[in-house]
Each structure stands twice: as structure tokens, then as C-alpha cells.
Amino acid sequence: MLKIIFFFILALRIILFNLQSFHIDMSTWEAWSYRLVSLGPSNFYSYNYFSDYFPGYLYILWIAGGFYHLVFPNLSFADLKFELMIKFITLGFDIATSYYIYKIVNKYSKKLSKLSALLYMSNPAVIFNSSIWGQIDGIFTFFIVYSSHLLIEVKRPLRASFFSSIAFLIKPQSIALYPLVALEIFKSFRKNLLSSLLIILITPIIFSLPFFISNPIFGLINLFQNSTGVYPHISLFAFNFWGIFGWWKPDKDIFLFFSYQAWGIILYILSMIIVLYPAWKNKLKPSQFYLACALSSMVFFIFLTRIHERYLFPFLAFILIASFVNKSKILTGFYFLISLTHFVNLWYVYYFYNFVYNNIKPDNNLLFKFVSDNHIIFSLILIISFFSITFFYYRLFYEKLNK
């Protein structure tokens, strides 16, 4: 029965490809892919051309664009066929993520493993992000889930470090898990710590070389600095802590002697200390580690400034794994609650830029107005959820410690 439902969800997601994409992002993928096919990677980045993405996803756009141009040499990259191909690629990674969720959960509960994979594939936020919006958060999420599987289940820290680096090359916000992963390697694979750190540092540089031939050492570093400065605001429509105080406000403004950005970093560090303390105190069980991954993703989203609404995405995979590995109805409930909240956040931004922004006519969508008027409530839901899950995490830690 679950297999039938899975293929039904898969068919539904493919049908949803035909809905309007997030036009700003999709037109950007089309332009970047065309530029890569036309000029090659060494000429892609330029001081007078906007691109704030790392080379990881650009490799995918380069290969996809080359294939598209070979099959449809007379078609524009701004054609629906190219758009569908981009969405198919992300769908493939979503399927791969659901498979590794299945593999992880299957080790601890064979009865729940297929259900866990199905719940990821049918998650409304995951479907919306990949099949409608056309974003790529599902791609780097696969690599961090896979690297976690390698580290915890397969006990291969070097391979895990390599694929963590690939995740970073696709989306640098994957560094949200780096402190936890580094501590886990230190605790469980101390003899591999230096090698793992070298892999994490060197892999992005090696894979970036085709894009930075003239500046192989500092090219990626400069790109990282420039990309983090593109949106210097406290919250970019994210339902997080800073969303309570308003969206798109400069994070360089001063409050109590510090900038909002500095306060965000302070709150992030303090929260990460809370998340990492059990891992430092005692080696985490797998059930605790996956929950700590979820919390690390959530801390990154909630407390740092310059955060987009999509940055909560990896949390969904890890809280799902944690809920089924722990066989916890409480965590499963938070999975559904936060998935729905994240879906609303995604839809709100998608609707705003596709139908409201630059539209001279007033918008009468009641749901959009409701979210606009009550976005603080959604932020509070996520903040309260974070502290509640953290409480569960510590209770789990002390229960295991006292056994």
C-alpha cells in the first residue's frame, strides 16, 4: 500500500512541475546555465555579472545546460522544457534523500522506515520547494543527510567529510552542521580529525578551480564574503527570531552597543553551546545525534541575521529521522507543525514575488493578508518549538546518561 502511495505522490509532484515557478530564481538558473554553456566555468564569475551561488550547483547547471543545448539546439533556455528538467533534477535528489532516510530509520525500526521515506516525499514544504518553486534546497540537503549516514551508520568520517564539503559547495549554509560534525569526529574518530578537517578545507578549493583559474586560493573566499553581503538585513521574510522585529531592516543598525548582526552571532553561539554541550559531555547516541542535527539547523535559521525563508529546509529531514529513530510521537508532532509553518513561509514569499511585487493592483488574497498580519505568530511557533525540542533533547540525553 505504501508503495502505491509513494508512486502516487511521485506522479503528483511531476504534475505540479507545470505550475508557475518562482520566476526570479528560475530565470536566474536559465541565465546562469546559458552563460556556463556559452563561456565555460573559467569565465562565469565577473565583477560586472551577478552570481552569488557557489560552484556546486553551477556544475549541475553547466551539465544540464550542455545536455539541453545538445538535445534542443534551437530552443531558448527560457523554455518550459529546460524548467522541467531543472525540477526533475531536484526531484531526483529528494528521492535520494528519502531513500537514505529510509536506510537510517530501517536500522532502528523496520516497521517505520518506509513510512518515514513517504512522509519526506509527501511533505508539503519539500514538494513546494522542489516541484513548484524550483529551488535547490533539496540537493544540498541530500548531501548532508548522506554524509550524516556515512558518519554515524557506516563509520566513514573521511567520506562523510568529503560529502559535507560538496554540500557546502552547493549551499554554504550547510556549515550549520559543521560544529556538531567536527565534535562528533573528535569524540568518535579522533585519529581522523586532522584528515577530515583537511578534506573539508581542500575539497571546495579543488572543485572550485575551474571557476577561479586566475585566483585559485582566494576566489572562493572572496565569493563567500561577497555573497554573505548581498542581503545585509535582519530577516529576509524568514519566520525566525528577527522576523518578530520586522523584515528587511539593516542588520548593521545598533542596539545596546552592538549591531543586530553581532547580536545574532551572539545568540547563535550561545544557542549552539546549548546544543553541543551534551555532545561534548558524552558521546551522542544516533538518536541524539540526528536530533542535534535538527537543532543545529534550527539555531542557524532562528538566531542569525541575513536568513532567507528557505534556510530551515534541512531541519525537516533531520527532525523526521530523529522522530522515527526515537519512536517519539512528540517529535513527530513537531515535524508536522514545523513542516506546515515552513510551507506557509515558502508560499508567502513565492506569492509575494510572483503576484504582489511590482503589481500596481491591490492584492485581495485573504490568506496572504492573514499571513502578513500574523507573521509574528508563525515566528513564535518556531521559536517555542525550538525550545520545546531542546528540552526533549536534554531529557533524552539525561535519560540515556542515567541508564
Protein backbone atom coordinates (compact mmCIF):
# COMPACT_ATOMS: atom_id res chain seq x y z
CA MET A 1 0.00 0.00 0.00
CA LEU A 2 2.79 2.43 0.91
CA LYS A 3 4.50 1.79 -2.44
CA ILE A 4 1.28 2.72 -4.27
CA ILE A 5 1.01 5.93 -2.24
CA PHE A 6 4.68 6.68 -2.92
CA PHE A 7 4.22 6.43 -6.70
CA PHE A 8 1.04 8.48 -6.47
CA ILE A 9 2.96 11.23 -4.64
CA LEU A 10 5.71 10.98 -7.25
CA ALA A 11 3.20 11.38 -10.09
CA LEU A 12 1.56 14.31 -8.30
CA ARG A 13 4.90 16.05 -7.86
CA ILE A 14 5.65 15.69 -11.58
CA ILE A 15 2.23 17.12 -12.45
CA LEU A 16 2.95 20.10 -10.17
CA PHE A 17 6.01 20.89 -12.30
CA ASN A 18 3.63 22.68 -14.64
CA LEU A 19 2.65 25.29 -12.05
CA GLN A 20 4.39 28.65 -12.22
CA SER A 21 7.90 28.58 -10.80
CA PHE A 22 9.40 31.29 -8.64
CA HIS A 23 10.19 33.41 -11.67
CA ILE A 24 13.19 35.29 -10.22
CA ASP A 25 15.07 32.10 -9.32
CA MET A 26 14.14 30.14 -12.43
CA SER A 27 15.14 32.94 -14.78
CA THR A 28 18.42 33.11 -12.88
CA TRP A 29 19.07 29.37 -13.35
CA GLU A 30 18.32 29.76 -17.05
CA ALA A 31 20.69 32.71 -17.44
CA TRP A 32 23.49 31.05 -15.47
CA SER A 33 23.17 27.80 -17.36
CA TYR A 34 23.31 29.60 -20.71
CA ARG A 35 26.34 31.60 -19.59
CA LEU A 36 28.14 28.44 -18.46
CA VAL A 37 27.46 26.65 -21.75
CA SER A 38 28.49 29.72 -23.74
CA LEU A 39 31.57 30.86 -21.79
CA GLY A 40 32.61 27.91 -19.65
CA PRO A 41 33.27 27.97 -15.89
CA SER A 42 36.52 29.95 -16.02
CA ASN A 43 34.69 32.99 -17.43
CA PHE A 44 31.48 32.63 -15.45
CA TYR A 45 32.21 34.86 -12.45
CA SER A 46 32.83 38.50 -13.29
CA TYR A 47 32.82 41.75 -11.33
CA ASN A 48 30.06 43.10 -13.60
CA TYR A 49 27.88 39.96 -13.58
CA PHE A 50 25.71 38.95 -10.62
CA SER A 51 26.07 35.45 -9.23
CA ASP A 52 26.04 34.74 -5.51
CA TYR A 53 25.90 30.94 -5.79
CA PHE A 54 28.83 28.63 -5.18
CA PRO A 55 30.25 26.37 -7.93
CA GLY A 56 28.49 23.22 -6.63
CA TYR A 57 25.12 23.96 -8.19
CA LEU A 58 26.76 25.68 -11.15
CA TYR A 59 28.27 22.32 -12.12
CA ILE A 60 24.73 20.93 -12.28
CA LEU A 61 23.53 23.89 -14.35
CA TRP A 62 26.54 23.51 -16.66
CA ILE A 63 25.93 19.80 -17.28
CA ALA A 64 22.15 20.24 -17.55
CA GLY A 65 22.56 23.19 -19.91
CA GLY A 66 25.03 21.30 -22.09
CA PHE A 67 22.62 18.35 -22.37
CA TYR A 68 19.69 20.66 -23.07
CA HIS A 69 21.57 22.51 -25.79
CA LEU A 70 22.61 19.22 -27.37
CA VAL A 71 19.03 17.88 -27.46
CA PHE A 72 17.29 21.18 -28.24
CA PRO A 73 19.91 23.30 -30.05
CA ASN A 74 17.35 25.73 -31.45
CA LEU A 75 15.39 26.35 -28.24
CA SER A 76 15.92 29.17 -25.78
CA PHE A 77 16.99 28.33 -22.25
CA ALA A 78 13.90 30.28 -21.15
CA ASP A 79 11.74 27.42 -22.43
CA LEU A 80 9.43 25.28 -20.31
CA LYS A 81 11.41 22.16 -21.25
CA PHE A 82 14.54 23.47 -19.51
CA GLU A 83 12.47 24.49 -16.49
CA LEU A 84 11.01 20.98 -16.22
CA MET A 85 14.48 19.46 -16.48
CA ILE A 86 15.71 21.60 -13.58
CA LYS A 87 12.79 20.46 -11.44
CA PHE A 88 13.36 16.81 -12.39
CA ILE A 89 16.95 17.07 -11.14
CA THR A 90 15.88 18.34 -7.73
CA LEU A 91 13.14 15.71 -7.55
CA GLY A 92 15.81 13.06 -8.10
CA PHE A 93 17.73 14.35 -5.09
CA ASP A 94 14.54 14.40 -2.99
CA ILE A 95 14.02 10.74 -3.85
CA ALA A 96 17.64 10.00 -2.89
CA THR A 97 17.15 11.82 0.43
CA SER A 98 14.01 9.85 1.18
CA TYR A 99 15.94 6.64 0.41
CA TYR A 100 18.65 7.46 2.95
CA ILE A 101 16.04 8.49 5.49
CA TYR A 102 14.59 5.02 4.91
CA LYS A 103 18.02 3.39 5.32
CA ILE A 104 18.77 5.20 8.56
CA VAL A 105 15.37 4.58 10.14
CA ASN A 106 15.31 0.97 8.92
CA LYS A 107 18.30 0.19 11.13
CA TYR A 108 16.29 1.14 14.23
CA SER A 109 12.73 0.35 13.19
CA LYS A 110 11.92 -1.73 10.10
CA LYS A 111 8.21 -1.10 10.59
CA LEU A 112 8.56 2.68 10.40
CA SER A 113 11.26 3.01 7.73
CA LYS A 114 9.02 3.06 4.65
CA LEU A 115 6.62 5.45 6.34
CA SER A 116 9.47 7.85 7.13
CA ALA A 117 10.53 7.96 3.47
CA LEU A 118 6.94 8.52 2.40
CA LEU A 119 6.48 11.37 4.88
CA TYR A 120 9.51 13.16 3.47
CA MET A 121 8.40 12.76 -0.16
CA SER A 122 4.89 13.95 0.70
CA ASN A 123 5.98 16.85 2.90
CA PRO A 124 4.18 19.95 1.57
CA ALA A 125 7.22 22.19 2.10
CA VAL A 126 9.53 19.76 0.28
CA ILE A 127 7.05 19.39 -2.59
CA PHE A 128 6.53 23.14 -2.86
CA ASN A 129 10.25 23.94 -2.75
CA SER A 130 11.23 21.46 -5.47
CA SER A 131 8.19 20.87 -7.67
CA ILE A 132 6.61 24.33 -7.76
CA TRP A 133 9.15 26.95 -6.66
CA GLY A 134 12.04 25.25 -8.48
CA GLN A 135 14.60 25.82 -5.72
CA ILE A 136 17.53 23.54 -4.94
CA ASP A 137 17.49 23.18 -1.15
CA GLY A 138 16.67 19.52 -1.63
CA ILE A 139 20.01 18.99 -3.40
CA PHE A 140 22.35 20.10 -0.64
CA THR A 141 20.03 18.54 1.95
CA PHE A 142 20.66 15.18 0.31
CA PHE A 143 24.42 15.58 0.70
CA ILE A 144 24.26 16.50 4.39
CA VAL A 145 21.84 13.63 5.12
CA TYR A 146 24.08 11.26 3.17
CA SER A 147 27.21 12.50 4.94
CA SER A 148 25.45 12.00 8.30
CA HIS A 149 24.60 8.45 7.25
CA LEU A 150 28.25 7.85 6.38
CA LEU A 151 29.46 9.29 9.67
CA ILE A 152 27.01 7.67 12.09
CA GLU A 153 25.85 4.46 10.41
CA VAL A 154 28.76 3.49 8.14
CA LYS A 155 31.53 4.94 10.36
CA ARG A 156 33.39 6.56 7.47
CA PRO A 157 34.41 10.03 8.70
CA LEU A 158 36.63 10.85 5.70
CA ARG A 159 33.92 10.10 3.17
CA ALA A 160 31.44 11.96 5.35
CA SER A 161 33.75 14.98 5.39
CA PHE A 162 34.06 14.88 1.61
CA PHE A 163 30.31 14.91 1.01
CA SER A 164 29.84 17.59 3.67
CA SER A 165 32.21 19.69 1.57
CA ILE A 166 30.12 19.01 -1.53
CA ALA A 167 27.06 20.21 0.39
CA PHE A 168 28.95 23.38 1.29
CA LEU A 169 29.86 23.93 -2.38
CA ILE A 170 26.18 23.80 -3.27
CA LYS A 171 24.84 25.85 -0.37
CA PRO A 172 27.25 27.33 2.20
CA GLN A 173 24.56 27.30 4.91
CA SER A 174 25.39 23.61 5.30
CA ILE A 175 28.08 24.88 7.70
CA ALA A 176 25.25 24.96 10.24
CA LEU A 177 26.11 21.32 10.94
CA TYR A 178 29.89 21.68 10.89
CA PRO A 179 30.37 22.34 14.64
CA LEU A 180 28.38 19.23 15.54
CA VAL A 181 30.08 17.06 12.90
CA ALA A 182 33.54 18.25 13.98
CA LEU A 183 32.74 17.43 17.61
CA GLU A 184 31.39 14.00 16.65
CA ILE A 185 34.57 13.21 14.69
CA PHE A 186 36.66 14.44 17.63
CA LYS A 187 34.75 12.17 20.02
CA SER A 188 34.46 9.04 17.87
CA PHE A 189 37.21 9.23 15.23
CA ARG A 190 39.91 11.31 16.84
CA LYS A 191 42.69 9.82 14.72
CA ASN A 192 40.81 11.01 11.61
CA LEU A 193 40.17 14.54 12.87
CA LEU A 194 43.05 16.25 11.08
CA SER A 195 42.42 14.36 7.82
CA SER A 196 38.72 15.23 7.98
CA LEU A 197 39.46 18.91 8.54
CA LEU A 198 41.88 18.93 5.59
CA ILE A 199 39.25 17.31 3.37
CA ILE A 200 36.66 19.87 4.43
CA LEU A 201 39.08 22.72 3.67
CA ILE A 202 40.70 21.42 0.48
CA THR A 203 37.76 19.80 -1.35
CA PRO A 204 35.88 23.10 -2.02
CA ILE A 205 39.08 24.72 -3.31
CA ILE A 206 39.85 21.82 -5.69
CA PHE A 207 36.34 21.67 -7.11
CA SER A 208 36.27 25.44 -7.47
CA LEU A 209 39.50 25.61 -9.50
CA PRO A 210 37.77 25.55 -12.95
CA PHE A 211 35.86 28.66 -11.89
CA PHE A 212 38.80 30.51 -10.33
CA ILE A 213 41.79 29.68 -12.52
CA SER A 214 43.19 33.18 -12.17
CA ASN A 215 42.63 33.25 -8.40
CA PRO A 216 42.64 29.62 -7.16
CA ILE A 217 43.29 30.34 -3.49
CA PHE A 218 41.13 33.33 -2.67
CA GLY A 219 38.50 33.10 -5.40
CA LEU A 220 36.05 31.05 -3.33
CA ILE A 221 36.80 33.05 -0.18
CA ASN A 222 36.05 36.31 -1.98
CA LEU A 223 32.84 34.84 -3.36
CA PHE A 224 31.79 33.77 0.14
CA GLN A 225 32.41 37.26 1.51
CA ASN A 226 30.54 38.90 -1.35
CA SER A 227 27.58 36.50 -1.19
CA THR A 228 27.07 36.99 2.55
CA GLY A 229 26.94 40.73 1.97
CA VAL A 230 24.28 40.68 -0.76
CA TYR A 231 21.37 40.88 1.72
CA PRO A 232 22.55 42.80 4.84
CA HIS A 233 19.16 42.64 6.60
CA ILE A 234 17.94 41.17 9.87
CA SER A 235 15.43 38.80 8.26
CA LEU A 236 14.54 38.15 4.62
CA PHE A 237 10.91 37.14 5.11
CA ALA A 238 12.02 34.36 7.48
CA PHE A 239 9.70 33.31 10.32
CA ASN A 240 12.52 33.49 12.83
CA PHE A 241 13.54 35.50 15.92
CA TRP A 242 14.40 38.59 13.88
CA GLY A 243 11.16 38.31 11.93
CA ILE A 244 9.40 39.43 15.10
CA PHE A 245 11.10 42.81 14.80
CA GLY A 246 10.38 43.22 11.11
CA TRP A 247 11.72 42.09 7.75
CA TRP A 248 14.36 43.72 5.56
CA LYS A 249 15.74 46.06 8.21
CA PRO A 250 19.51 46.75 8.05
CA ASP A 251 21.38 44.46 10.42
CA LYS A 252 24.18 47.00 10.80
CA ASP A 253 21.92 49.23 12.90
CA ILE A 254 22.97 49.47 16.54
CA PHE A 255 21.03 48.18 19.53
CA LEU A 256 22.57 48.33 23.03
CA PHE A 257 26.12 48.96 21.79
CA PHE A 258 26.09 46.14 19.24
CA SER A 259 24.74 45.78 15.70
CA TYR A 260 21.83 43.45 15.09
CA GLN A 261 24.22 41.23 13.15
CA ALA A 262 26.51 40.99 16.18
CA TRP A 263 23.55 40.19 18.45
CA GLY A 264 22.54 37.48 16.01
CA ILE A 265 26.01 35.93 16.17
CA ILE A 266 25.99 36.13 19.98
CA LEU A 267 22.59 34.43 20.21
CA TYR A 268 23.69 31.81 17.68
CA ILE A 269 26.88 30.97 19.62
CA LEU A 270 25.05 30.75 22.95
CA SER A 271 22.36 28.51 21.44
CA MET A 272 24.93 26.27 19.76
CA ILE A 273 26.73 25.85 23.07
CA ILE A 274 23.45 24.54 24.48
CA VAL A 275 23.08 22.13 21.53
CA LEU A 276 26.71 20.97 21.63
CA TYR A 277 27.04 20.57 25.40
CA PRO A 278 25.61 17.00 25.52
CA ALA A 279 27.90 16.01 22.62
CA TRP A 280 30.89 17.48 24.48
CA LYS A 281 29.88 15.92 27.79
CA ASN A 282 29.33 12.45 26.42
CA LYS A 283 29.34 10.72 23.03
CA LEU A 284 25.89 11.06 21.47
CA LYS A 285 23.74 8.08 20.62
CA PRO A 286 22.49 8.07 16.99
CA SER A 287 19.02 9.03 18.23
CA GLN A 288 20.54 12.07 19.92
CA PHE A 289 22.87 12.95 17.05
CA TYR A 290 20.10 13.28 14.46
CA LEU A 291 18.10 15.41 16.86
CA ALA A 292 21.18 17.57 17.44
CA CYS A 293 21.48 17.96 13.63
CA ALA A 294 17.88 19.19 13.53
CA LEU A 295 18.53 21.66 16.35
CA SER A 296 21.76 22.90 14.71
CA SER A 297 19.81 23.67 11.53
CA MET A 298 17.12 25.40 13.55
CA VAL A 299 19.57 27.54 15.56
CA PHE A 300 21.15 28.71 12.30
CA PHE A 301 17.74 29.69 10.93
CA ILE A 302 16.26 31.30 14.03
CA PHE A 303 19.04 33.43 15.50
CA LEU A 304 21.39 34.58 12.75
CA THR A 305 20.57 37.62 10.64
CA ARG A 306 20.56 37.64 6.80
CA ILE A 307 18.48 34.47 6.77
CA HIS A 308 16.15 33.56 3.91
CA GLU A 309 12.87 31.76 4.49
CA ARG A 310 14.23 28.58 2.84
CA TYR A 311 17.13 28.07 5.24
CA LEU A 312 15.03 25.93 7.58
CA PHE A 313 14.67 23.26 4.88
CA PRO A 314 17.34 20.72 6.09
CA PHE A 315 15.72 20.68 9.53
CA LEU A 316 12.76 18.77 8.10
CA ALA A 317 14.83 15.73 7.10
CA PHE A 318 16.67 15.53 10.42
CA ILE A 319 13.67 16.04 12.69
CA LEU A 320 11.88 13.34 10.71
CA ILE A 321 14.79 10.94 11.18
CA ALA A 322 15.04 11.82 14.87
CA SER A 323 11.33 11.34 15.48
CA PHE A 324 11.31 7.84 13.98
CA VAL A 325 14.66 6.70 15.38
CA ASN A 326 13.46 7.79 18.83
CA LYS A 327 9.95 6.47 18.11
CA SER A 328 8.67 9.74 19.54
CA LYS A 329 5.14 10.97 18.94
CA ILE A 330 6.16 14.35 20.36
CA LEU A 331 8.91 14.85 17.77
CA THR A 332 6.61 13.58 15.03
CA GLY A 333 4.09 16.20 16.07
CA PHE A 334 6.74 18.89 15.81
CA TYR A 335 7.68 17.54 12.37
CA PHE A 336 4.13 18.14 11.12
CA LEU A 337 3.75 21.51 12.87
CA ILE A 338 7.05 22.94 11.63
CA SER A 339 6.59 21.47 8.15
CA LEU A 340 3.28 23.30 7.85
CA THR A 341 4.77 26.53 9.22
CA HIS A 342 7.69 26.32 6.81
CA PHE A 343 5.31 25.63 3.92
CA VAL A 344 3.37 28.80 4.78
CA ASN A 345 6.64 30.76 4.87
CA LEU A 346 7.64 29.45 1.43
CA TRP A 347 4.23 30.06 -0.09
CA TYR A 348 4.10 33.60 1.29
CA VAL A 349 7.39 34.61 -0.35
CA TYR A 350 6.52 32.80 -3.58
CA TYR A 351 3.15 34.54 -3.77
CA PHE A 352 4.58 37.95 -2.90
CA TYR A 353 7.22 37.98 -5.64
CA ASN A 354 5.12 36.26 -8.28
CA PHE A 355 1.83 38.10 -7.78
CA VAL A 356 2.23 41.12 -5.49
CA TYR A 357 5.67 42.63 -6.04
CA ASN A 358 5.66 45.23 -8.85
CA ASN A 359 1.90 44.77 -9.25
CA ILE A 360 0.09 48.11 -9.28
CA LYS A 361 -3.24 46.46 -8.47
CA PRO A 362 -4.04 45.81 -4.79
CA ASP A 363 -3.91 42.16 -3.77
CA ASN A 364 -7.08 40.65 -2.33
CA ASN A 365 -5.80 37.20 -1.39
CA LEU A 366 -7.16 36.59 2.12
CA LEU A 367 -4.52 34.00 3.02
CA PHE A 368 -1.73 36.35 2.01
CA LYS A 369 -3.23 39.12 4.10
CA PHE A 370 -3.67 36.78 7.06
CA VAL A 371 -0.03 35.70 6.96
CA SER A 372 1.13 39.31 6.54
CA ASP A 373 -0.86 40.40 9.58
CA ASN A 374 0.14 37.42 11.73
CA HIS A 375 3.68 36.56 10.67
CA ILE A 376 4.89 37.21 14.23
CA ILE A 377 2.71 34.31 15.40
CA PHE A 378 4.43 31.98 12.93
CA SER A 379 7.82 33.18 14.17
CA LEU A 380 6.75 32.48 17.75
CA ILE A 381 5.60 29.00 16.78
CA LEU A 382 9.09 28.17 15.51
CA ILE A 383 10.86 29.77 18.49
CA ILE A 384 8.67 27.94 21.02
CA SER A 385 9.14 24.73 19.03
CA PHE A 386 12.90 25.17 19.19
CA PHE A 387 12.96 25.48 22.98
CA SER A 388 10.49 22.59 23.34
CA ILE A 389 12.60 20.29 21.14
CA THR A 390 15.72 21.38 23.03
CA PHE A 391 14.03 20.39 26.29
CA PHE A 392 13.20 16.98 24.78
CA TYR A 393 16.81 16.67 23.59
CA TYR A 394 18.18 17.27 27.08
CA ARG A 395 15.65 14.93 28.66
CA LEU A 396 16.71 12.27 26.18
CA PHE A 397 20.36 12.92 26.97
CA TYR A 398 19.96 12.58 30.74
CA GLU A 399 17.74 9.51 30.38
CA LYS A 400 20.43 7.77 28.33
CA LEU A 401 23.12 9.00 30.73
CA ASN A 402 21.40 7.53 33.77
CA LYS A 403 20.81 4.11 32.24
